[in-house]
Amino acid sequence: MDWNNVIKVVQNTITGVGLQVVGAILLYIVGRWLISFAVGLVRKGLSRQKLEPTLLRFIGNTISVVLNITLVIAILG
C-alpha cells in the first residue's frame, strides 16, 4: 500500500467536502438574511393596508416558514 496515494486521496476528499460545507454555510447565511429582508418587506407592505396585527404576524410567519423550508431543500440539494 502506497501511503502517499492514500494521503492524496484523503486530502482531495476532505477538500471537496470542506468546500461543500463552506458553500452550504454561506448559502444558509445569505438565505436567512434574504428571508428576513423579504418578510420585513411583506410586513411593511401589509401594515400599510391596515390589517389586523394578528393576521400580519400569521402571514409573516407563514412566509418565513415556507422560505426556510425552501432554503433547507436548496442547501441539501
PDB file of N, CA and C in Angstrom:
ATOM      1  N   MET A   1       0.842  -1.172   0.000  1.00  0.00           N
ATOM      2  CA  MET A   1       0.000   0.000   0.000  1.00  0.00           C
ATOM      3  C   MET A   1       0.889   1.237   0.000  1.00  0.00           C
ATOM      4  N   ASP A   2       0.608   2.143  -0.905  1.00  0.00           N
ATOM      5  CA  ASP A   2       1.383   3.366  -1.034  1.00  0.00           C
ATOM      6  C   ASP A   2       0.703   4.465  -0.209  1.00  0.00           C
ATOM      7  N   TRP A   3       1.349   4.883   0.859  1.00  0.00           N
ATOM      8  CA  TRP A   3       0.762   5.856   1.782  1.00  0.00           C
ATOM      9  C   TRP A   3       0.638   7.238   1.158  1.00  0.00           C
ATOM     10  N   ASN A   4       1.487   7.559   0.222  1.00  0.00           N
ATOM     11  CA  ASN A   4       1.389   8.868  -0.437  1.00  0.00           C
ATOM     12  C   ASN A   4       0.082   9.003  -1.226  1.00  0.00           C
ATOM     13  N   ASN A   5      -0.298   7.919  -1.929  1.00  0.00           N
ATOM     14  CA  ASN A   5      -1.558   7.947  -2.668  1.00  0.00           C
ATOM     15  C   ASN A   5      -2.755   8.021  -1.716  1.00  0.00           C
ATOM     16  N   VAL A   6      -2.681   7.311  -0.609  1.00  0.00           N
ATOM     17  CA  VAL A   6      -3.759   7.343   0.374  1.00  0.00           C
ATOM     18  C   VAL A   6      -3.910   8.756   0.942  1.00  0.00           C
ATOM     19  N   ILE A   7      -2.813   9.395   1.250  1.00  0.00           N
ATOM     20  CA  ILE A   7      -2.843  10.756   1.797  1.00  0.00           C
ATOM     21  C   ILE A   7      -3.417  11.728   0.767  1.00  0.00           C
ATOM     22  N   LYS A   8      -3.056  11.570  -0.514  1.00  0.00           N
ATOM     23  CA  LYS A   8      -3.581  12.437  -1.559  1.00  0.00           C
ATOM     24  C   LYS A   8      -5.089  12.259  -1.717  1.00  0.00           C
ATOM     25  N   VAL A   9      -5.560  11.024  -1.677  1.00  0.00           N
ATOM     26  CA  VAL A   9      -6.994  10.760  -1.800  1.00  0.00           C
ATOM     27  C   VAL A   9      -7.740  11.360  -0.620  1.00  0.00           C
ATOM     28  N   VAL A  10      -7.197  11.203   0.584  1.00  0.00           N
ATOM     29  CA  VAL A  10      -7.836  11.756   1.776  1.00  0.00           C
ATOM     30  C   VAL A  10      -7.863  13.283   1.695  1.00  0.00           C
ATOM     31  N   GLN A  11      -6.775  13.895   1.268  1.00  0.00           N
ATOM     32  CA  GLN A  11      -6.734  15.352   1.140  1.00  0.00           C
ATOM     33  C   GLN A  11      -7.743  15.859   0.116  1.00  0.00           C
ATOM     34  N   ASN A  12      -7.831  15.172  -1.014  1.00  0.00           N
ATOM     35  CA  ASN A  12      -8.793  15.577  -2.042  1.00  0.00           C
ATOM     36  C   ASN A  12     -10.231  15.434  -1.546  1.00  0.00           C
ATOM     37  N   THR A  13     -10.510  14.367  -0.833  1.00  0.00           N
ATOM     38  CA  THR A  13     -11.856  14.145  -0.302  1.00  0.00           C
ATOM     39  C   THR A  13     -12.205  15.195   0.738  1.00  0.00           C
ATOM     40  N   ILE A  14     -11.277  15.466   1.647  1.00  0.00           N
ATOM     41  CA  ILE A  14     -11.527  16.467   2.691  1.00  0.00           C
ATOM     42  C   ILE A  14     -11.696  17.854   2.070  1.00  0.00           C
ATOM     43  N   THR A  15     -10.901  18.160   1.062  1.00  0.00           N
ATOM     44  CA  THR A  15     -11.020  19.456   0.398  1.00  0.00           C
ATOM     45  C   THR A  15     -12.377  19.610  -0.283  1.00  0.00           C
ATOM     46  N   GLY A  16     -12.802  18.575  -0.988  1.00  0.00           N
ATOM     47  CA  GLY A  16     -14.097  18.632  -1.679  1.00  0.00           C
ATOM     48  C   GLY A  16     -15.259  18.765  -0.714  1.00  0.00           C
ATOM     49  N   VAL A  17     -15.249  17.971   0.340  1.00  0.00           N
ATOM     50  CA  VAL A  17     -16.316  18.024   1.332  1.00  0.00           C
ATOM     51  C   VAL A  17     -16.260  19.347   2.089  1.00  0.00           C
ATOM     52  N   GLY A  18     -15.085  19.813   2.394  1.00  0.00           N
ATOM     53  CA  GLY A  18     -14.935  21.079   3.109  1.00  0.00           C
ATOM     54  C   GLY A  18     -15.483  22.248   2.317  1.00  0.00           C
ATOM     55  N   LEU A  19     -15.219  22.254   1.013  1.00  0.00           N
ATOM     56  CA  LEU A  19     -15.760  23.321   0.168  1.00  0.00           C
ATOM     57  C   LEU A  19     -17.277  23.260   0.093  1.00  0.00           C
ATOM     58  N   GLN A  20     -17.832  22.056   0.063  1.00  0.00           N
ATOM     59  CA  GLN A  20     -19.283  21.916   0.054  1.00  0.00           C
ATOM     60  C   GLN A  20     -19.898  22.412   1.363  1.00  0.00           C
ATOM     61  N   VAL A  21     -19.249  22.121   2.474  1.00  0.00           N
ATOM     62  CA  VAL A  21     -19.756  22.573   3.769  1.00  0.00           C
ATOM     63  C   VAL A  21     -19.683  24.093   3.870  1.00  0.00           C
ATOM     64  N   VAL A  22     -18.577  24.668   3.445  1.00  0.00           N
ATOM     65  CA  VAL A  22     -18.437  26.132   3.474  1.00  0.00           C
ATOM     66  C   VAL A  22     -19.482  26.774   2.560  1.00  0.00           C
ATOM     67  N   GLY A  23     -19.703  26.192   1.392  1.00  0.00           N
ATOM     68  CA  GLY A  23     -20.724  26.706   0.478  1.00  0.00           C
ATOM     69  C   GLY A  23     -22.115  26.629   1.083  1.00  0.00           C
ATOM     70  N   ALA A  24     -22.413  25.523   1.767  1.00  0.00           N
ATOM     71  CA  ALA A  24     -23.718  25.373   2.406  1.00  0.00           C
ATOM     72  C   ALA A  24     -23.900  26.388   3.527  1.00  0.00           C
ATOM     73  N   ILE A  25     -22.859  26.641   4.287  1.00  0.00           N
ATOM     74  CA  ILE A  25     -22.943  27.622   5.375  1.00  0.00           C
ATOM     75  C   ILE A  25     -23.158  29.023   4.807  1.00  0.00           C
ATOM     76  N   LEU A  26     -22.429  29.368   3.762  1.00  0.00           N
ATOM     77  CA  LEU A  26     -22.609  30.676   3.135  1.00  0.00           C
ATOM     78  C   LEU A  26     -24.006  30.826   2.536  1.00  0.00           C
ATOM     79  N   LEU A  27     -24.495  29.768   1.895  1.00  0.00           N
ATOM     80  CA  LEU A  27     -25.844  29.797   1.341  1.00  0.00           C
ATOM     81  C   LEU A  27     -26.880  29.971   2.446  1.00  0.00           C
ATOM     82  N   TYR A  28     -26.666  29.327   3.578  1.00  0.00           N
ATOM     83  CA  TYR A  28     -27.587  29.459   4.707  1.00  0.00           C
ATOM     84  C   TYR A  28     -27.597  30.886   5.250  1.00  0.00           C
ATOM     85  N   ILE A  29     -26.419  31.468   5.417  1.00  0.00           N
ATOM     86  CA  ILE A  29     -26.331  32.829   5.968  1.00  0.00           C
ATOM     87  C   ILE A  29     -26.987  33.835   5.020  1.00  0.00           C
ATOM     88  N   VAL A  30     -26.668  33.744   3.735  1.00  0.00           N
ATOM     89  CA  VAL A  30     -27.255  34.664   2.763  1.00  0.00           C
ATOM     90  C   VAL A  30     -28.762  34.428   2.654  1.00  0.00           C
ATOM     91  N   GLY A  31     -29.163  33.168   2.664  1.00  0.00           N
ATOM     92  CA  GLY A  31     -30.585  32.840   2.574  1.00  0.00           C
ATOM     93  C   GLY A  31     -31.377  33.357   3.753  1.00  0.00           C
ATOM     94  N   ARG A  32     -30.839  33.215   4.957  1.00  0.00           N
ATOM     95  CA  ARG A  32     -31.528  33.723   6.148  1.00  0.00           C
ATOM     96  C   ARG A  32     -31.653  35.242   6.092  1.00  0.00           C
ATOM     97  N   TRP A  33     -30.614  35.912   5.615  1.00  0.00           N
ATOM     98  CA  TRP A  33     -30.677  37.364   5.502  1.00  0.00           C
ATOM     99  C   TRP A  33     -31.752  37.771   4.491  1.00  0.00           C
ATOM    100  N   LEU A  34     -31.789  37.082   3.345  1.00  0.00           N
ATOM    101  CA  LEU A  34     -32.788  37.392   2.327  1.00  0.00           C
ATOM    102  C   LEU A  34     -34.204  37.100   2.820  1.00  0.00           C
ATOM    103  N   ILE A  35     -34.369  36.031   3.589  1.00  0.00           N
ATOM    104  CA  ILE A  35     -35.679  35.693   4.131  1.00  0.00           C
ATOM    105  C   ILE A  35     -36.151  36.772   5.096  1.00  0.00           C
ATOM    106  N   SER A  36     -35.282  37.199   5.984  1.00  0.00           N
ATOM    107  CA  SER A  36     -35.688  38.233   6.935  1.00  0.00           C
ATOM    108  C   SER A  36     -35.993  39.544   6.208  1.00  0.00           C
ATOM    109  N   PHE A  37     -35.239  39.849   5.163  1.00  0.00           N
ATOM    110  CA  PHE A  37     -35.484  41.048   4.371  1.00  0.00           C
ATOM    111  C   PHE A  37     -36.841  40.965   3.671  1.00  0.00           C
ATOM    112  N   ALA A  38     -37.139  39.811   3.060  1.00  0.00           N
ATOM    113  CA  ALA A  38     -38.402  39.638   2.338  1.00  0.00           C
ATOM    114  C   ALA A  38     -39.593  39.683   3.289  1.00  0.00           C
ATOM    115  N   VAL A  39     -39.467  39.029   4.439  1.00  0.00           N
ATOM    116  CA  VAL A  39     -40.561  39.039   5.409  1.00  0.00           C
ATOM    117  C   VAL A  39     -40.791  40.460   5.933  1.00  0.00           C
ATOM    118  N   GLY A  40     -39.725  41.185   6.160  1.00  0.00           N
ATOM    119  CA  GLY A  40     -39.858  42.577   6.595  1.00  0.00           C
ATOM    120  C   GLY A  40     -40.576  43.432   5.560  1.00  0.00           C
ATOM    121  N   LEU A  41     -40.238  43.236   4.290  1.00  0.00           N
ATOM    122  CA  LEU A  41     -40.915  43.980   3.226  1.00  0.00           C
ATOM    123  C   LEU A  41     -42.399  43.640   3.164  1.00  0.00           C
ATOM    124  N   VAL A  42     -42.718  42.356   3.289  1.00  0.00           N
ATOM    125  CA  VAL A  42     -44.123  41.943   3.244  1.00  0.00           C
ATOM    126  C   VAL A  42     -44.889  42.523   4.425  1.00  0.00           C
ATOM    127  N   ARG A  43     -44.280  42.470   5.607  1.00  0.00           N
ATOM    128  CA  ARG A  43     -44.963  43.010   6.787  1.00  0.00           C
ATOM    129  C   ARG A  43     -45.178  44.516   6.663  1.00  0.00           C
ATOM    130  N   LYS A  44     -44.184  45.223   6.144  1.00  0.00           N
ATOM    131  CA  LYS A  44     -44.357  46.673   5.958  1.00  0.00           C
ATOM    132  C   LYS A  44     -45.457  46.965   4.946  1.00  0.00           C
ATOM    133  N   GLY A  45     -45.456  46.211   3.874  1.00  0.00           N
ATOM    134  CA  GLY A  45     -46.481  46.411   2.855  1.00  0.00           C
ATOM    135  C   GLY A  45     -47.874  46.105   3.366  1.00  0.00           C
ATOM    136  N   LEU A  46     -47.995  45.030   4.139  1.00  0.00           N
ATOM    137  CA  LEU A  46     -49.307  44.677   4.672  1.00  0.00           C
ATOM    138  C   LEU A  46     -49.740  45.612   5.796  1.00  0.00           C
ATOM    139  N   SER A  47     -48.796  46.151   6.542  1.00  0.00           N
ATOM    140  CA  SER A  47     -49.169  47.067   7.615  1.00  0.00           C
ATOM    141  C   SER A  47     -49.724  48.371   7.040  1.00  0.00           C
ATOM    142  N   ARG A  48     -49.309  48.728   5.843  1.00  0.00           N
ATOM    143  CA  ARG A  48     -49.865  49.921   5.178  1.00  0.00           C
ATOM    144  C   ARG A  48     -51.322  49.696   4.765  1.00  0.00           C
ATOM    145  N   GLN A  49     -51.694  48.423   4.622  1.00  0.00           N
ATOM    146  CA  GLN A  49     -53.071  48.100   4.256  1.00  0.00           C
ATOM    147  C   GLN A  49     -53.993  48.088   5.474  1.00  0.00           C
ATOM    148  N   LYS A  50     -53.440  48.387   6.634  1.00  0.00           N
ATOM    149  CA  LYS A  50     -54.182  48.458   7.892  1.00  0.00           C
ATOM    150  C   LYS A  50     -54.835  47.118   8.246  1.00  0.00           C
ATOM    151  N   LEU A  51     -54.044  46.040   8.115  1.00  0.00           N
ATOM    152  CA  LEU A  51     -54.524  44.714   8.502  1.00  0.00           C
ATOM    153  C   LEU A  51     -54.399  44.529  10.003  1.00  0.00           C
ATOM    154  N   GLU A  52     -55.128  43.559  10.500  1.00  0.00           N
ATOM    155  CA  GLU A  52     -55.061  43.235  11.917  1.00  0.00           C
ATOM    156  C   GLU A  52     -53.652  42.746  12.267  1.00  0.00           C
ATOM    157  N   PRO A  53     -53.107  43.122  13.423  1.00  0.00           N
ATOM    158  CA  PRO A  53     -51.745  42.688  13.784  1.00  0.00           C
ATOM    159  C   PRO A  53     -51.588  41.171  13.866  1.00  0.00           C
ATOM    160  N   THR A  54     -52.624  40.475  14.314  1.00  0.00           N
ATOM    161  CA  THR A  54     -52.543  39.017  14.394  1.00  0.00           C
ATOM    162  C   THR A  54     -52.419  38.409  13.002  1.00  0.00           C
ATOM    163  N   LEU A  55     -53.197  38.910  12.072  1.00  0.00           N
ATOM    164  CA  LEU A  55     -53.132  38.422  10.691  1.00  0.00           C
ATOM    165  C   LEU A  55     -51.787  38.763  10.067  1.00  0.00           C
ATOM    166  N   LEU A  56     -51.264  39.922  10.387  1.00  0.00           N
ATOM    167  CA  LEU A  56     -49.958  40.338   9.888  1.00  0.00           C
ATOM    168  C   LEU A  56     -48.863  39.374  10.343  1.00  0.00           C
ATOM    169  N   ARG A  57     -48.869  39.043  11.642  1.00  0.00           N
ATOM    170  CA  ARG A  57     -47.870  38.099  12.176  1.00  0.00           C
ATOM    171  C   ARG A  57     -48.048  36.718  11.563  1.00  0.00           C
ATOM    172  N   PHE A  58     -49.301  36.289  11.393  1.00  0.00           N
ATOM    173  CA  PHE A  58     -49.562  34.971  10.815  1.00  0.00           C
ATOM    174  C   PHE A  58     -49.014  34.880   9.394  1.00  0.00           C
ATOM    175  N   ILE A  59     -49.289  35.875   8.579  1.00  0.00           N
ATOM    176  CA  ILE A  59     -48.813  35.869   7.193  1.00  0.00           C
ATOM    177  C   ILE A  59     -47.285  35.936   7.154  1.00  0.00           C
ATOM    178  N   GLY A  60     -46.703  36.780   8.006  1.00  0.00           N
ATOM    179  CA  GLY A  60     -45.239  36.871   8.054  1.00  0.00           C
ATOM    180  C   GLY A  60     -44.587  35.574   8.480  1.00  0.00           C
ATOM    181  N   ASN A  61     -45.161  34.926   9.497  1.00  0.00           N
ATOM    182  CA  ASN A  61     -44.610  33.648   9.957  1.00  0.00           C
ATOM    183  C   ASN A  61     -44.784  32.554   8.915  1.00  0.00           C
ATOM    184  N   THR A  62     -45.915  32.550   8.229  1.00  0.00           N
ATOM    185  CA  THR A  62     -46.146  31.543   7.191  1.00  0.00           C
ATOM    186  C   THR A  62     -45.138  31.700   6.052  1.00  0.00           C
ATOM    187  N   ILE A  63     -44.927  32.917   5.625  1.00  0.00           N
ATOM    188  CA  ILE A  63     -43.945  33.162   4.562  1.00  0.00           C
ATOM    189  C   ILE A  63     -42.546  32.759   5.030  1.00  0.00           C
ATOM    190  N   SER A  64     -42.223  33.065   6.271  1.00  0.00           N
ATOM    191  CA  SER A  64     -40.909  32.714   6.811  1.00  0.00           C
ATOM    192  C   SER A  64     -40.707  31.201   6.845  1.00  0.00           C
ATOM    193  N   VAL A  65     -41.719  30.464   7.269  1.00  0.00           N
ATOM    194  CA  VAL A  65     -41.602  29.000   7.333  1.00  0.00           C
ATOM    195  C   VAL A  65     -41.440  28.414   5.933  1.00  0.00           C
ATOM    196  N   VAL A  66     -42.242  28.874   4.995  1.00  0.00           N
ATOM    197  CA  VAL A  66     -42.158  28.354   3.625  1.00  0.00           C
ATOM    198  C   VAL A  66     -40.784  28.645   3.026  1.00  0.00           C
ATOM    199  N   LEU A  67     -40.278  29.853   3.225  1.00  0.00           N
ATOM    200  CA  LEU A  67     -38.963  30.200   2.669  1.00  0.00           C
ATOM    201  C   LEU A  67     -37.837  29.444   3.372  1.00  0.00           C
ATOM    202  N   ASN A  68     -37.961  29.205   4.675  1.00  0.00           N
ATOM    203  CA  ASN A  68     -36.941  28.428   5.375  1.00  0.00           C
ATOM    204  C   ASN A  68     -36.922  26.980   4.899  1.00  0.00           C
ATOM    205  N   ILE A  69     -38.087  26.395   4.660  1.00  0.00           N
ATOM    206  CA  ILE A  69     -38.132  25.025   4.130  1.00  0.00           C
ATOM    207  C   ILE A  69     -37.500  24.987   2.740  1.00  0.00           C
ATOM    208  N   THR A  70     -37.788  25.983   1.923  1.00  0.00           N
ATOM    209  CA  THR A  70     -37.191  26.065   0.592  1.00  0.00           C
ATOM    210  C   THR A  70     -35.671  26.204   0.689  1.00  0.00           C
ATOM    211  N   LEU A  71     -35.206  27.000   1.643  1.00  0.00           N
ATOM    212  CA  LEU A  71     -33.770  27.174   1.829  1.00  0.00           C
ATOM    213  C   LEU A  71     -33.098  25.863   2.226  1.00  0.00           C
ATOM    214  N   VAL A  72     -33.693  25.135   3.146  1.00  0.00           N
ATOM    215  CA  VAL A  72     -33.108  23.863   3.584  1.00  0.00           C
ATOM    216  C   VAL A  72     -33.069  22.872   2.421  1.00  0.00           C
ATOM    217  N   ILE A  73     -34.139  22.820   1.630  1.00  0.00           N
ATOM    218  CA  ILE A  73     -34.154  21.915   0.470  1.00  0.00           C
ATOM    219  C   ILE A  73     -33.069  22.323  -0.534  1.00  0.00           C
ATOM    220  N   ALA A  74     -32.885  23.623  -0.725  1.00  0.00           N
ATOM    221  CA  ALA A  74     -31.846  24.093  -1.655  1.00  0.00           C
ATOM    222  C   ALA A  74     -30.456  23.727  -1.156  1.00  0.00           C
ATOM    223  N   ILE A  75     -30.244  23.842   0.149  1.00  0.00           N
ATOM    224  CA  ILE A  75     -28.926  23.517   0.709  1.00  0.00           C
ATOM    225  C   ILE A  75     -28.664  22.014   0.601  1.00  0.00           C
ATOM    226  N   LEU A  76     -29.661  21.211   0.915  1.00  0.00           N
ATOM    227  CA  LEU A  76     -29.468  19.773   0.864  1.00  0.00           C
ATOM    228  C   LEU A  76     -29.325  19.263  -0.574  1.00  0.00           C
ATOM    229  N   GLY A  77     -29.895  19.998  -1.508  1.00  0.00           N
ATOM    230  CA  GLY A  77     -29.813  19.588  -2.922  1.00  0.00           C
ATOM    231  C   GLY A  77     -28.438  19.883  -3.450  1.00  0.00           C
TER     232      GLY A  77
END
